[in-house]
Amino acid sequence: MSNFSTDDDLTAITTRAKAKTDISHIHAFLGAKTSDKWLTVAKDNLPLLMQDHANCEKKAAGTAMNLIFRYEFHRDLQEKLAQLVREEMLHYEQVLTLMTERGLSWSHLPAGRYAKGLLKHKRTWEPAGMIDVLIIGAFIEARSCERFSALADVIDDEKLSKYYKYLLKSESRHYEDYLALAQSVCDEPIDERVAFFRQVEADLIDSPDSQLRFHSGVPDFV
């Protein structure tokens, strides 16, 4: 018997549309807002964006799984990330279904600069390295949430818009879980490190970018 609820069923969730989800806490957490130029280019390139979204869901699940194996001593981390892995892989499957419905075939799409731009600042010793990875995870999830919300308001694809609105709740929770886990493995406040990565992430989002990806910066090719 499946353990999936009706909220996991793609047909069910895209026949319901939540009028508005409050993500003001996401905007307060992030250091920059998605540019109008990125939104303009993104809404005209949804097939590419959907492919990259699928890649992001798969990578997010892989990152969480790697953390589960690497830090087996941390019970709370194990439980939170196990749920996250399940949800990310479910989202991956759902995006693939949405692509198939639109006649979009799978193709290789190289990763953009975003994740690497964050991870190059990760400290190399423990537990500092784990703390940084968890903080980075929080920013990636928060940015995803911000962009799902922004895209849902401008794209012409009604079903995809509803799906992006559905994702806001889980992406918001993921960012909060990552932050809480980062603080739980550190004896000192992590505020200073969060502020550091807030600036790094904002610089990546606000600066010119030669590629369009779900987490790319301001397009400089149009």
Protein backbone atom coordinates (compact mmCIF):
# COMPACT_ATOMS: atom_id res chain seq x y z
CA MET A 1 0.00 0.00 0.00
CA SER A 2 1.32 3.45 -0.90
CA ASN A 3 2.22 5.80 1.93
CA PHE A 4 1.67 8.86 -0.26
CA SER A 5 -1.17 11.18 0.72
CA THR A 6 -3.46 13.00 -1.69
CA ASP A 7 -1.10 15.96 -1.37
CA ASP A 8 1.52 13.83 -3.14
CA ASP A 9 -0.70 13.25 -6.16
CA LEU A 10 0.20 15.63 -8.98
CA THR A 11 -3.29 15.73 -10.46
CA ALA A 12 -4.84 16.51 -7.09
CA ILE A 13 -2.43 19.26 -6.11
CA THR A 14 -2.62 21.05 -9.46
CA THR A 15 -6.40 21.22 -9.42
CA ARG A 16 -6.19 23.30 -6.26
CA ALA A 17 -4.67 26.74 -6.21
CA LYS A 18 -3.82 28.63 -3.07
CA ALA A 19 -4.52 32.29 -3.65
CA LYS A 20 -1.44 33.53 -1.85
CA THR A 21 1.21 32.06 0.41
CA ASP A 22 2.98 34.44 2.75
CA ILE A 23 6.72 34.17 2.14
CA SER A 24 7.66 37.49 3.73
CA HIS A 25 10.02 35.59 6.06
CA ILE A 26 11.81 34.24 2.98
CA HIS A 27 12.30 37.75 1.60
CA ALA A 28 13.58 38.88 5.00
CA PHE A 29 16.05 36.00 5.10
CA LEU A 30 17.46 36.51 1.61
CA GLY A 31 19.72 39.42 0.78
CA ALA A 32 18.43 40.09 -2.73
CA LYS A 33 15.24 39.82 -4.75
CA THR A 34 15.01 38.10 -8.11
CA SER A 35 15.43 40.66 -10.88
CA ASP A 36 12.67 41.50 -13.34
CA LYS A 37 15.11 40.66 -16.14
CA TRP A 38 15.57 37.11 -14.84
CA LEU A 39 11.79 36.66 -14.63
CA THR A 40 11.27 37.97 -18.16
CA VAL A 41 13.84 35.59 -19.62
CA ALA A 42 12.76 32.68 -17.42
CA LYS A 43 9.07 32.77 -18.35
CA ASP A 44 10.06 32.61 -22.04
CA ASN A 45 12.33 29.60 -21.45
CA LEU A 46 10.23 27.30 -19.29
CA PRO A 47 11.40 24.04 -20.96
CA LEU A 48 15.02 24.78 -20.01
CA LEU A 49 13.98 25.93 -16.56
CA MET A 50 11.94 22.78 -15.94
CA GLN A 51 14.91 20.63 -16.88
CA ASP A 52 17.13 22.53 -14.47
CA HIS A 53 14.45 22.38 -11.77
CA ALA A 54 14.42 18.59 -12.11
CA ASN A 55 18.19 18.54 -11.80
CA CYS A 56 18.01 20.70 -8.68
CA GLU A 57 15.50 18.38 -6.99
CA LYS A 58 17.69 15.37 -7.71
CA LYS A 59 20.83 17.12 -6.48
CA ALA A 60 19.07 18.28 -3.32
CA ALA A 61 18.08 14.70 -2.54
CA GLY A 62 21.65 13.53 -3.21
CA THR A 63 23.15 16.19 -0.96
CA ALA A 64 20.79 15.29 1.88
CA MET A 65 21.55 11.58 1.45
CA ASN A 66 25.29 12.23 1.56
CA LEU A 67 24.83 14.15 4.82
CA ILE A 68 22.82 11.26 6.26
CA PHE A 69 25.67 8.83 5.60
CA ARG A 70 28.45 11.19 6.64
CA TYR A 71 26.92 12.32 9.93
CA GLU A 72 25.23 9.16 11.18
CA PHE A 73 25.82 10.15 14.82
CA HIS A 74 23.33 13.03 14.61
CA ARG A 75 19.81 11.65 15.20
CA ASP A 76 17.82 14.81 14.53
CA LEU A 77 19.72 15.41 11.31
CA GLN A 78 18.98 11.85 10.21
CA GLU A 79 15.25 12.24 10.72
CA LYS A 80 14.91 15.68 9.14
CA LEU A 81 17.01 14.81 6.11
CA ALA A 82 15.29 11.46 5.57
CA GLN A 83 12.02 13.35 5.13
CA LEU A 84 13.72 15.88 2.88
CA VAL A 85 15.16 13.13 0.63
CA ARG A 86 11.72 11.63 0.19
CA GLU A 87 10.15 14.99 -0.66
CA GLU A 88 12.90 16.05 -3.07
CA MET A 89 12.68 12.76 -4.99
CA LEU A 90 8.90 13.06 -5.10
CA HIS A 91 9.27 16.56 -6.55
CA TYR A 92 11.82 15.24 -9.04
CA GLU A 93 9.31 12.63 -10.21
CA GLN A 94 6.55 15.24 -10.42
CA VAL A 95 8.65 17.62 -12.53
CA LEU A 96 9.52 14.76 -14.89
CA THR A 97 5.79 14.05 -15.25
CA LEU A 98 5.07 17.71 -16.00
CA MET A 99 7.83 17.67 -18.62
CA THR A 100 6.39 14.56 -20.24
CA GLU A 101 2.93 16.13 -20.35
CA ARG A 102 4.43 19.04 -22.30
CA GLY A 103 6.32 16.81 -24.73
CA LEU A 104 9.68 17.79 -23.27
CA SER A 105 12.41 15.17 -23.53
CA TRP A 106 15.19 14.72 -21.01
CA SER A 107 18.51 16.23 -22.05
CA HIS A 108 21.81 16.91 -20.37
CA LEU A 109 22.04 20.39 -18.91
CA PRO A 110 25.30 21.49 -17.29
CA ALA A 111 25.00 23.00 -13.84
CA GLY A 112 25.22 26.74 -13.44
CA ARG A 113 27.61 28.63 -11.20
CA TYR A 114 25.30 29.07 -8.20
CA ALA A 115 25.94 26.04 -6.00
CA LYS A 116 29.66 26.05 -6.74
CA GLY A 117 29.78 29.74 -5.96
CA LEU A 118 28.38 29.02 -2.50
CA LEU A 119 30.29 25.82 -1.78
CA LYS A 120 33.69 27.31 -2.57
CA HIS A 121 33.37 29.20 0.71
CA LYS A 122 32.69 26.07 2.77
CA ARG A 123 35.20 25.56 5.56
CA THR A 124 37.27 22.38 5.36
CA TRP A 125 37.29 21.29 9.00
CA GLU A 126 34.53 19.80 11.13
CA PRO A 127 32.03 20.60 12.44
CA ALA A 128 32.46 23.91 10.58
CA GLY A 129 32.15 22.17 7.21
CA MET A 130 28.85 20.55 8.14
CA ILE A 131 27.52 23.83 9.53
CA ASP A 132 28.37 25.63 6.29
CA VAL A 133 26.75 22.95 4.12
CA LEU A 134 23.57 23.18 6.17
CA ILE A 135 23.52 26.99 5.96
CA ILE A 136 24.11 26.81 2.21
CA GLY A 137 21.23 24.33 1.99
CA ALA A 138 19.01 26.84 3.76
CA PHE A 139 19.82 29.55 1.24
CA ILE A 140 19.27 27.25 -1.74
CA GLU A 141 15.86 26.21 -0.42
CA ALA A 142 14.91 29.80 0.42
CA ARG A 143 15.91 31.00 -3.05
CA SER A 144 13.93 28.19 -4.63
CA CYS A 145 10.89 29.25 -2.63
CA GLU A 146 11.30 32.89 -3.66
CA ARG A 147 11.57 31.98 -7.33
CA PHE A 148 8.67 29.55 -7.32
CA SER A 149 6.50 32.33 -5.91
CA ALA A 150 7.75 34.90 -8.41
CA LEU A 151 7.34 32.56 -11.39
CA ALA A 152 3.87 31.42 -10.36
CA ASP A 153 2.66 35.00 -10.75
CA VAL A 154 3.98 35.57 -14.29
CA ILE A 155 3.90 32.33 -16.30
CA ASP A 156 1.02 31.48 -18.63
CA ASP A 157 1.06 27.76 -17.78
CA GLU A 158 -1.77 27.45 -15.22
CA LYS A 159 -0.97 23.92 -14.07
CA LEU A 160 2.71 24.70 -13.62
CA SER A 161 1.82 27.89 -11.75
CA LYS A 162 -0.33 25.88 -9.33
CA TYR A 163 2.47 23.38 -8.88
CA TYR A 164 4.96 26.11 -8.00
CA LYS A 165 2.52 27.49 -5.44
CA TYR A 166 2.17 24.00 -3.95
CA LEU A 167 5.95 23.78 -3.54
CA LEU A 168 6.18 26.93 -1.41
CA LYS A 169 5.23 25.19 1.82
CA SER A 170 7.83 22.42 1.58
CA GLU A 171 10.64 24.66 0.34
CA SER A 172 9.97 27.08 3.19
CA ARG A 173 10.07 24.25 5.72
CA HIS A 174 13.28 22.86 4.22
CA TYR A 175 15.08 26.16 4.65
CA GLU A 176 13.97 26.39 8.26
CA ASP A 177 15.02 22.79 8.93
CA TYR A 178 18.47 23.37 7.47
CA LEU A 179 18.99 26.46 9.61
CA ALA A 180 17.82 24.70 12.76
CA LEU A 181 20.11 21.76 12.08
CA ALA A 182 23.07 24.08 11.50
CA GLN A 183 22.49 25.74 14.87
CA SER A 184 21.97 22.39 16.60
CA VAL A 185 25.49 21.20 15.77
CA CYS A 186 27.16 24.44 16.81
CA ASP A 187 27.76 25.62 20.37
CA GLU A 188 27.97 29.26 19.26
CA PRO A 189 25.37 31.36 17.41
CA ILE A 190 25.60 30.93 13.64
CA ASP A 191 24.33 34.43 12.84
CA GLU A 192 27.68 35.69 11.61
CA ARG A 193 28.11 32.75 9.24
CA VAL A 194 24.54 33.13 7.99
CA ALA A 195 25.19 36.81 7.28
CA PHE A 196 28.35 35.89 5.37
CA PHE A 197 26.51 33.46 3.10
CA ARG A 198 23.60 35.89 2.71
CA GLN A 199 26.01 38.32 1.05
CA VAL A 200 27.65 35.63 -1.08
CA GLU A 201 24.25 34.38 -2.26
CA ALA A 202 22.96 37.89 -2.96
CA ASP A 203 26.05 38.68 -5.04
CA LEU A 204 25.45 35.57 -7.16
CA ILE A 205 21.81 36.53 -7.71
CA ASP A 206 22.47 40.22 -8.43
CA SER A 207 25.50 39.86 -10.72
CA PRO A 208 25.47 39.22 -14.50
CA ASP A 209 25.22 35.58 -15.54
CA SER A 210 25.91 34.05 -18.95
CA GLN A 211 23.52 31.11 -18.36
CA LEU A 212 19.87 30.80 -17.47
CA ARG A 213 19.31 28.41 -14.61
CA PHE A 214 16.80 28.18 -11.79
CA HIS A 215 19.27 29.86 -9.43
CA SER A 216 21.19 31.97 -11.93
CA GLY A 217 21.99 35.65 -11.71
CA VAL A 218 20.87 38.51 -13.94
CA PRO A 219 20.95 37.34 -17.61
CA ASP A 220 23.55 39.19 -19.64
CA PHE A 221 22.83 37.47 -22.96
CA VAL A 222 19.69 39.34 -24.05
